């Protein structure tokens, strides 16, 4: 996988695009840190590609949440305990906003 700086992308866009066509993906960087993933797309399957990227992002987010839950011991909470946390959060939110039901 090739890494390309913002400057290189700006100055050599056509060359970067050709490299992307050859290599598949390019990581765009700013100050040495990745900020975007460039990947070839076509009009005929753009929606399908976007859905795949969104599913992948959702999967990554879910794995992070599960890891944090395991780390904090929250993965062993009962359904009743979870409901209690939700009730308390809603109660707290209503008292802050001044609303009630």
N, C-alpha and C. Protein backbone atom coordinates (compact mmCIF):
# COMPACT_ATOMS: atom_id res chain seq x y z
N UNK A 1 0.84 -1.17 0.00
CA UNK A 1 0.00 0.00 0.00
C UNK A 1 0.90 1.24 0.00
N UNK A 2 0.56 2.16 -0.86
CA UNK A 2 1.38 3.37 -1.00
C UNK A 2 0.83 4.50 -0.13
N UNK A 3 1.74 5.27 0.45
CA UNK A 3 1.39 6.44 1.24
C UNK A 3 1.78 7.68 0.44
N UNK A 4 0.86 8.65 0.38
CA UNK A 4 1.08 9.86 -0.41
C UNK A 4 0.74 11.06 0.47
N UNK A 5 1.61 12.05 0.46
CA UNK A 5 1.35 13.26 1.24
C UNK A 5 0.32 14.14 0.52
N UNK A 6 -0.29 15.01 1.28
CA UNK A 6 -1.23 15.98 0.71
C UNK A 6 -0.54 16.80 -0.37
N UNK A 7 0.69 17.22 -0.09
CA UNK A 7 1.43 18.03 -1.06
C UNK A 7 1.63 17.25 -2.37
N UNK A 8 2.08 16.00 -2.24
CA UNK A 8 2.30 15.19 -3.44
C UNK A 8 0.98 14.99 -4.20
N UNK A 9 -0.09 14.76 -3.48
CA UNK A 9 -1.40 14.59 -4.11
C UNK A 9 -1.81 15.85 -4.87
N UNK A 10 -1.59 16.98 -4.26
CA UNK A 10 -1.94 18.27 -4.88
C UNK A 10 -1.08 18.54 -6.11
N UNK A 11 0.20 18.26 -6.01
CA UNK A 11 1.13 18.59 -7.09
C UNK A 11 1.18 17.54 -8.20
N UNK A 12 0.88 16.31 -7.89
CA UNK A 12 1.00 15.22 -8.88
C UNK A 12 -0.26 14.36 -8.91
N UNK A 13 -1.40 15.01 -9.00
CA UNK A 13 -2.67 14.31 -8.93
C UNK A 13 -2.79 13.19 -9.96
N UNK A 14 -2.43 13.46 -11.20
CA UNK A 14 -2.55 12.44 -12.25
C UNK A 14 -1.67 11.23 -11.94
N UNK A 15 -0.46 11.46 -11.48
CA UNK A 15 0.44 10.35 -11.15
C UNK A 15 -0.11 9.53 -9.97
N UNK A 16 -0.66 10.22 -9.01
CA UNK A 16 -1.24 9.53 -7.85
C UNK A 16 -2.44 8.69 -8.29
N UNK A 17 -3.26 9.23 -9.18
CA UNK A 17 -4.41 8.49 -9.68
C UNK A 17 -3.97 7.24 -10.44
N UNK A 18 -2.94 7.36 -11.24
CA UNK A 18 -2.43 6.18 -11.96
C UNK A 18 -1.89 5.14 -10.98
N UNK A 19 -1.21 5.62 -9.95
CA UNK A 19 -0.69 4.70 -8.92
C UNK A 19 -1.85 3.99 -8.22
N UNK A 20 -2.93 4.71 -7.97
CA UNK A 20 -4.09 4.13 -7.32
C UNK A 20 -4.71 3.06 -8.22
N UNK A 21 -4.76 3.33 -9.51
CA UNK A 21 -5.28 2.34 -10.45
C UNK A 21 -4.44 1.06 -10.43
N UNK A 22 -3.12 1.22 -10.30
CA UNK A 22 -2.22 0.05 -10.27
C UNK A 22 -2.27 -0.67 -8.93
N UNK A 23 -2.24 0.10 -7.84
CA UNK A 23 -2.06 -0.49 -6.52
C UNK A 23 -3.36 -0.76 -5.77
N UNK A 24 -4.44 -0.15 -6.20
CA UNK A 24 -5.73 -0.39 -5.55
C UNK A 24 -6.11 0.68 -4.55
N UNK A 25 -5.31 0.88 -3.55
CA UNK A 25 -5.60 1.91 -2.54
C UNK A 25 -4.35 2.74 -2.28
N UNK A 26 -4.60 3.96 -1.85
CA UNK A 26 -3.51 4.86 -1.45
C UNK A 26 -3.93 5.52 -0.15
N UNK A 27 -3.00 5.61 0.78
CA UNK A 27 -3.25 6.30 2.04
C UNK A 27 -2.74 7.72 1.89
N UNK A 28 -3.62 8.66 2.12
CA UNK A 28 -3.28 10.08 2.05
C UNK A 28 -2.84 10.52 3.44
N UNK A 29 -1.69 11.21 3.53
CA UNK A 29 -1.16 11.60 4.84
C UNK A 29 -1.01 13.11 4.96
N UNK A 30 -1.03 13.56 6.20
CA UNK A 30 -0.78 14.96 6.54
C UNK A 30 0.14 14.95 7.76
N UNK A 31 1.29 15.57 7.63
CA UNK A 31 2.27 15.58 8.71
C UNK A 31 2.62 14.16 9.18
N UNK A 32 2.70 13.25 8.22
CA UNK A 32 3.09 11.88 8.52
C UNK A 32 1.99 11.00 9.08
N UNK A 33 0.79 11.53 9.23
CA UNK A 33 -0.32 10.77 9.80
C UNK A 33 -1.37 10.49 8.73
N UNK A 34 -1.91 9.28 8.69
CA UNK A 34 -2.94 8.97 7.70
C UNK A 34 -4.22 9.76 7.97
N UNK A 35 -4.79 10.31 6.91
CA UNK A 35 -6.04 11.07 7.07
C UNK A 35 -7.15 10.58 6.15
N UNK A 36 -6.79 9.84 5.10
CA UNK A 36 -7.81 9.35 4.18
C UNK A 36 -7.30 8.15 3.41
N UNK A 37 -8.24 7.38 2.94
CA UNK A 37 -7.93 6.24 2.10
C UNK A 37 -8.55 6.50 0.73
N UNK A 38 -7.72 6.54 -0.29
CA UNK A 38 -8.20 6.72 -1.66
C UNK A 38 -8.33 5.35 -2.29
N UNK A 39 -9.47 5.10 -2.89
CA UNK A 39 -9.70 3.81 -3.53
C UNK A 39 -10.44 4.04 -4.85
N UNK A 40 -10.12 3.28 -5.87
CA UNK A 40 -10.79 3.47 -7.15
C UNK A 40 -12.29 3.20 -7.03
N UNK A 41 -13.08 3.98 -7.75
CA UNK A 41 -14.54 3.80 -7.74
C UNK A 41 -15.06 3.98 -9.15
N UNK A 42 -16.10 3.24 -9.46
CA UNK A 42 -16.75 3.40 -10.75
C UNK A 42 -18.22 3.72 -10.51
N UNK A 43 -18.83 4.40 -11.45
CA UNK A 43 -20.22 4.78 -11.31
C UNK A 43 -21.15 3.60 -11.18
N UNK A 44 -20.80 2.49 -11.83
CA UNK A 44 -21.71 1.35 -11.84
C UNK A 44 -21.80 0.63 -10.50
N UNK A 45 -20.77 0.70 -9.67
CA UNK A 45 -20.84 0.01 -8.38
C UNK A 45 -20.50 0.93 -7.20
N UNK A 46 -20.64 2.22 -7.40
CA UNK A 46 -20.30 3.18 -6.35
C UNK A 46 -21.12 2.95 -5.08
N UNK A 47 -22.44 2.80 -5.23
CA UNK A 47 -23.29 2.59 -4.04
C UNK A 47 -22.88 1.33 -3.28
N UNK A 48 -22.58 0.28 -4.01
CA UNK A 48 -22.16 -0.98 -3.38
C UNK A 48 -20.84 -0.79 -2.64
N UNK A 49 -19.91 -0.05 -3.23
CA UNK A 49 -18.63 0.22 -2.58
C UNK A 49 -18.84 1.07 -1.32
N UNK A 50 -19.69 2.08 -1.41
CA UNK A 50 -19.96 2.92 -0.24
C UNK A 50 -20.58 2.11 0.88
N UNK A 51 -21.51 1.23 0.55
CA UNK A 51 -22.12 0.37 1.57
C UNK A 51 -21.08 -0.53 2.23
N UNK A 52 -20.16 -1.06 1.44
CA UNK A 52 -19.12 -1.93 1.99
C UNK A 52 -18.21 -1.15 2.94
N UNK A 53 -17.84 0.07 2.56
CA UNK A 53 -17.01 0.91 3.43
C UNK A 53 -17.75 1.22 4.72
N UNK A 54 -19.02 1.57 4.61
CA UNK A 54 -19.81 1.89 5.80
C UNK A 54 -19.97 0.69 6.72
N UNK A 55 -20.17 -0.49 6.13
CA UNK A 55 -20.25 -1.71 6.95
C UNK A 55 -18.93 -1.97 7.66
N UNK A 56 -17.83 -1.77 6.94
CA UNK A 56 -16.51 -1.98 7.55
C UNK A 56 -16.29 -1.01 8.71
N UNK A 57 -16.64 0.26 8.51
CA UNK A 57 -16.50 1.25 9.58
C UNK A 57 -17.36 0.88 10.78
N UNK A 58 -18.60 0.45 10.52
CA UNK A 58 -19.49 0.05 11.62
C UNK A 58 -18.89 -1.14 12.37
N UNK A 59 -18.33 -2.09 11.64
CA UNK A 59 -17.70 -3.25 12.28
C UNK A 59 -16.53 -2.86 13.15
N UNK A 60 -15.73 -1.93 12.66
CA UNK A 60 -14.59 -1.43 13.45
C UNK A 60 -15.09 -0.75 14.71
N UNK A 61 -16.11 0.10 14.57
CA UNK A 61 -16.67 0.81 15.74
C UNK A 61 -17.23 -0.19 16.76
N UNK A 62 -17.93 -1.22 16.27
CA UNK A 62 -18.49 -2.22 17.17
C UNK A 62 -17.39 -2.97 17.91
N UNK A 63 -16.33 -3.34 17.20
CA UNK A 63 -15.21 -4.03 17.88
C UNK A 63 -14.58 -3.15 18.95
N UNK A 64 -14.46 -1.85 18.68
CA UNK A 64 -13.91 -0.93 19.68
C UNK A 64 -14.80 -0.84 20.91
N UNK A 65 -16.12 -0.76 20.69
CA UNK A 65 -17.07 -0.69 21.80
C UNK A 65 -17.00 -1.96 22.62
N UNK A 66 -16.96 -3.10 21.95
CA UNK A 66 -16.89 -4.38 22.67
C UNK A 66 -15.59 -4.50 23.46
N UNK A 67 -14.49 -4.05 22.88
CA UNK A 67 -13.21 -4.10 23.58
C UNK A 67 -13.25 -3.22 24.83
N UNK A 68 -13.80 -2.01 24.68
CA UNK A 68 -13.92 -1.11 25.83
C UNK A 68 -14.83 -1.70 26.89
N UNK A 69 -15.91 -2.36 26.48
CA UNK A 69 -16.83 -2.99 27.43
C UNK A 69 -16.12 -4.10 28.20
N UNK A 70 -15.34 -4.91 27.48
CA UNK A 70 -14.59 -5.98 28.16
C UNK A 70 -13.58 -5.39 29.14
N UNK A 71 -12.89 -4.36 28.69
CA UNK A 71 -11.86 -3.74 29.53
C UNK A 71 -12.47 -3.17 30.81
N UNK A 72 -13.65 -2.58 30.69
CA UNK A 72 -14.31 -1.98 31.85
C UNK A 72 -15.21 -2.93 32.62
N UNK A 73 -15.28 -4.19 32.18
CA UNK A 73 -16.11 -5.18 32.86
C UNK A 73 -17.59 -5.02 32.55
N UNK A 74 -17.93 -4.18 31.61
CA UNK A 74 -19.34 -3.94 31.30
C UNK A 74 -19.93 -5.01 30.40
N UNK A 75 -19.12 -5.87 29.86
CA UNK A 75 -19.62 -6.94 29.00
C UNK A 75 -20.36 -8.01 29.80
N UNK A 76 -20.24 -7.98 31.12
CA UNK A 76 -20.90 -8.96 31.96
C UNK A 76 -22.15 -8.41 32.64
N UNK A 77 -22.56 -7.19 32.25
CA UNK A 77 -23.74 -6.58 32.87
C UNK A 77 -25.00 -7.35 32.47
N UNK A 78 -25.93 -7.46 33.41
CA UNK A 78 -27.21 -8.10 33.11
C UNK A 78 -28.10 -7.10 32.36
N UNK A 79 -29.14 -7.63 31.74
CA UNK A 79 -30.09 -6.76 31.03
C UNK A 79 -30.73 -5.77 32.00
N UNK A 80 -30.99 -6.21 33.21
CA UNK A 80 -31.59 -5.32 34.22
C UNK A 80 -30.64 -4.18 34.58
N UNK A 81 -29.36 -4.50 34.72
CA UNK A 81 -28.37 -3.46 35.04
C UNK A 81 -28.26 -2.46 33.89
N UNK A 82 -28.28 -2.96 32.67
CA UNK A 82 -28.22 -2.07 31.51
C UNK A 82 -29.44 -1.16 31.48
N UNK A 83 -30.62 -1.74 31.72
CA UNK A 83 -31.85 -0.93 31.77
C UNK A 83 -31.75 0.14 32.85
N UNK A 84 -31.17 -0.19 33.98
CA UNK A 84 -31.00 0.77 35.06
C UNK A 84 -30.10 1.93 34.65
N UNK A 85 -29.01 1.63 33.97
CA UNK A 85 -28.10 2.68 33.49
C UNK A 85 -28.83 3.59 32.51
N UNK A 86 -29.60 2.99 31.62
CA UNK A 86 -30.35 3.78 30.64
C UNK A 86 -31.38 4.67 31.34
N UNK A 87 -32.11 4.11 32.30
CA UNK A 87 -33.11 4.92 33.05
C UNK A 87 -32.44 6.09 33.75
N UNK A 88 -31.31 5.84 34.37
CA UNK A 88 -30.61 6.90 35.10
C UNK A 88 -30.11 7.98 34.14
N UNK A 89 -29.59 7.58 33.00
CA UNK A 89 -29.12 8.55 32.01
C UNK A 89 -30.27 9.41 31.51
N UNK A 90 -31.43 8.79 31.26
CA UNK A 90 -32.60 9.55 30.82
C UNK A 90 -33.09 10.49 31.91
N UNK A 91 -33.10 10.02 33.13
CA UNK A 91 -33.52 10.85 34.27
C UNK A 91 -32.59 12.05 34.41
N UNK A 92 -31.31 11.79 34.30
CA UNK A 92 -30.31 12.85 34.41
C UNK A 92 -30.47 13.86 33.29
N UNK A 93 -30.71 13.38 32.08
CA UNK A 93 -30.87 14.26 30.93
C UNK A 93 -32.11 15.14 31.10
N UNK A 94 -33.20 14.56 31.60
CA UNK A 94 -34.43 15.34 31.80
C UNK A 94 -34.23 16.42 32.85
N UNK A 95 -33.49 16.09 33.92
CA UNK A 95 -33.30 17.09 34.98
C UNK A 95 -32.42 18.23 34.52
N UNK A 96 -31.45 17.95 33.64
CA UNK A 96 -30.59 18.99 33.10
C UNK A 96 -31.35 19.89 32.15
N UNK A 97 -32.19 19.27 31.29
CA UNK A 97 -32.93 20.06 30.31
C UNK A 97 -34.18 20.70 30.90
N UNK A 98 -34.56 20.29 32.11
CA UNK A 98 -35.74 20.88 32.74
C UNK A 98 -37.04 20.26 32.25
N UNK A 99 -36.93 19.29 31.39
CA UNK A 99 -38.13 18.64 30.86
C UNK A 99 -38.52 17.45 31.70
N UNK A 100 -39.72 17.02 31.56
CA UNK A 100 -40.18 15.83 32.26
C UNK A 100 -41.32 15.21 31.48
N UNK A 101 -41.54 13.94 31.73
CA UNK A 101 -42.65 13.28 31.05
C UNK A 101 -43.55 12.64 32.04
